[in-house]
Amino acid sequence: MAKLIAGYDLEEIDELPLVAEASPLWQLLLFENLRATMLPDVQAVGDDEIRTAVRHHSSAVAGEWTEQEEEQSSASSRSS
């Protein structure tokens, strides 16, 4: 049953979306934004430590992208 609160219809749900699923996706989005906007500057003026940190993070994120793509591919094949 929906409740009207502050002009919004609110409905109770049985279970919440998993934060554990959202967290890696959020990290991927943040890093993609960094890569697209700040990476050239980091490469140009950053010291060895920040370039190393970005390189390691890029490697970790690349693995996350691969896992996400595989999960989406298997989910879409199951729904077809």
C-alpha atoms as a PDB file:
ATOM      1  CA  MET A   1       0.000   0.000   0.000  1.00  0.00           C
ATOM      2  CA  ALA A   2       1.445   3.365  -1.032  1.00  0.00           C
ATOM      3  CA  LYS A   3       1.732   6.256   1.405  1.00  0.00           C
ATOM      4  CA  LEU A   4       1.647   9.875   0.361  1.00  0.00           C
ATOM      5  CA  ILE A   5       4.564  11.700   2.027  1.00  0.00           C
ATOM      6  CA  ALA A   6       5.671  15.203   1.032  1.00  0.00           C
ATOM      7  CA  GLY A   7       3.822  14.832  -2.247  1.00  0.00           C
ATOM      8  CA  TYR A   8       5.429  11.490  -3.156  1.00  0.00           C
ATOM      9  CA  ASP A   9       3.788   8.073  -3.302  1.00  0.00           C
ATOM     10  CA  LEU A  10       6.026   5.751  -1.296  1.00  0.00           C
ATOM     11  CA  GLU A  11       5.719   2.008  -1.555  1.00  0.00           C
ATOM     12  CA  GLU A  12       7.260  -0.500   0.794  1.00  0.00           C
ATOM     13  CA  ILE A  13       9.464  -3.124  -0.796  1.00  0.00           C
ATOM     14  CA  ASP A  14      10.362  -6.559   0.484  1.00  0.00           C
ATOM     15  CA  GLU A  15      14.089  -6.360  -0.082  1.00  0.00           C
ATOM     16  CA  LEU A  16      16.588  -3.617  -0.792  1.00  0.00           C
ATOM     17  CA  PRO A  17      18.939  -3.626  -3.763  1.00  0.00           C
ATOM     18  CA  LEU A  18      22.279  -5.027  -2.772  1.00  0.00           C
ATOM     19  CA  VAL A  19      24.832  -2.393  -1.872  1.00  0.00           C
ATOM     20  CA  ALA A  20      27.531  -4.948  -2.648  1.00  0.00           C
ATOM     21  CA  GLU A  21      26.382  -4.938  -6.281  1.00  0.00           C
ATOM     22  CA  ALA A  22      26.226  -1.159  -6.516  1.00  0.00           C
ATOM     23  CA  SER A  23      29.634  -0.456  -5.002  1.00  0.00           C
ATOM     24  CA  PRO A  24      31.807  -1.960  -7.779  1.00  0.00           C
ATOM     25  CA  LEU A  25      29.669  -0.288 -10.434  1.00  0.00           C
ATOM     26  CA  TRP A  26      30.049   3.074  -8.725  1.00  0.00           C
ATOM     27  CA  GLN A  27      33.831   2.612  -8.555  1.00  0.00           C
ATOM     28  CA  LEU A  28      33.909   1.788 -12.258  1.00  0.00           C
ATOM     29  CA  LEU A  29      31.943   4.913 -13.110  1.00  0.00           C
ATOM     30  CA  LEU A  30      34.199   7.096 -10.980  1.00  0.00           C
ATOM     31  CA  PHE A  31      37.375   5.679 -12.471  1.00  0.00           C
ATOM     32  CA  GLU A  32      36.059   6.003 -16.028  1.00  0.00           C
ATOM     33  CA  ASN A  33      35.369   9.666 -15.303  1.00  0.00           C
ATOM     34  CA  LEU A  34      38.891  10.078 -13.912  1.00  0.00           C
ATOM     35  CA  ARG A  35      40.376   8.298 -16.905  1.00  0.00           C
ATOM     36  CA  ALA A  36      38.466  10.435 -19.378  1.00  0.00           C
ATOM     37  CA  THR A  37      39.081  13.793 -17.706  1.00  0.00           C
ATOM     38  CA  MET A  38      42.186  13.726 -15.507  1.00  0.00           C
ATOM     39  CA  LEU A  39      44.406  10.914 -16.743  1.00  0.00           C
ATOM     40  CA  PRO A  40      46.272  13.013 -19.339  1.00  0.00           C
ATOM     41  CA  ASP A  41      47.166  15.553 -16.636  1.00  0.00           C
ATOM     42  CA  VAL A  42      48.227  12.823 -14.204  1.00  0.00           C
ATOM     43  CA  GLN A  43      50.478  11.326 -16.878  1.00  0.00           C
ATOM     44  CA  ALA A  44      51.906  14.739 -17.793  1.00  0.00           C
ATOM     45  CA  VAL A  45      52.595  16.252 -14.374  1.00  0.00           C
ATOM     46  CA  GLY A  46      52.079  13.458 -11.834  1.00  0.00           C
ATOM     47  CA  ASP A  47      54.969  11.930  -9.951  1.00  0.00           C
ATOM     48  CA  ASP A  48      55.944   8.257 -10.099  1.00  0.00           C
ATOM     49  CA  GLU A  49      53.786   7.368  -7.088  1.00  0.00           C
ATOM     50  CA  ILE A  50      50.522   8.696  -8.547  1.00  0.00           C
ATOM     51  CA  ARG A  51      51.243   7.207 -11.971  1.00  0.00           C
ATOM     52  CA  THR A  52      51.929   3.843 -10.313  1.00  0.00           C
ATOM     53  CA  ALA A  53      48.744   4.090  -8.236  1.00  0.00           C
ATOM     54  CA  VAL A  54      46.654   4.946 -11.309  1.00  0.00           C
ATOM     55  CA  ARG A  55      48.254   2.094 -13.279  1.00  0.00           C
ATOM     56  CA  HIS A  56      47.445  -0.417 -10.501  1.00  0.00           C
ATOM     57  CA  HIS A  57      43.909   0.893 -10.153  1.00  0.00           C
ATOM     58  CA  SER A  58      43.450   0.724 -13.929  1.00  0.00           C
ATOM     59  CA  SER A  59      44.454  -2.940 -13.856  1.00  0.00           C
ATOM     60  CA  ALA A  60      41.985  -3.686 -11.057  1.00  0.00           C
ATOM     61  CA  VAL A  61      39.181  -1.810 -12.798  1.00  0.00           C
ATOM     62  CA  ALA A  62      39.872  -3.610 -16.077  1.00  0.00           C
ATOM     63  CA  GLY A  63      39.200  -6.886 -14.253  1.00  0.00           C
ATOM     64  CA  GLU A  64      35.963  -5.460 -12.827  1.00  0.00           C
ATOM     65  CA  TRP A  65      34.794  -4.387 -16.305  1.00  0.00           C
ATOM     66  CA  THR A  66      35.459  -7.887 -17.618  1.00  0.00           C
ATOM     67  CA  GLU A  67      33.461  -9.444 -14.766  1.00  0.00           C
ATOM     68  CA  GLN A  68      30.557  -7.001 -15.263  1.00  0.00           C
ATOM     69  CA  GLU A  69      30.454  -7.659 -19.022  1.00  0.00           C
ATOM     70  CA  GLU A  70      30.450 -11.424 -18.450  1.00  0.00           C
ATOM     71  CA  GLU A  71      27.640 -11.145 -15.894  1.00  0.00           C
ATOM     72  CA  GLN A  72      25.569  -8.949 -18.225  1.00  0.00           C
ATOM     73  CA  SER A  73      26.186 -11.290 -21.143  1.00  0.00           C
ATOM     74  CA  SER A  74      25.100 -14.357 -19.180  1.00  0.00           C
ATOM     75  CA  ALA A  75      22.058 -12.513 -17.783  1.00  0.00           C
ATOM     76  CA  SER A  76      20.939 -11.405 -21.242  1.00  0.00           C
ATOM     77  CA  SER A  77      21.413 -14.901 -22.669  1.00  0.00           C
ATOM     78  CA  ARG A  78      19.275 -16.331 -19.855  1.00  0.00           C
ATOM     79  CA  SER A  79      16.472 -13.855 -20.533  1.00  0.00           C
ATOM     80  CA  SER A  80      16.462 -14.540 -24.302  1.00  0.00           C
END
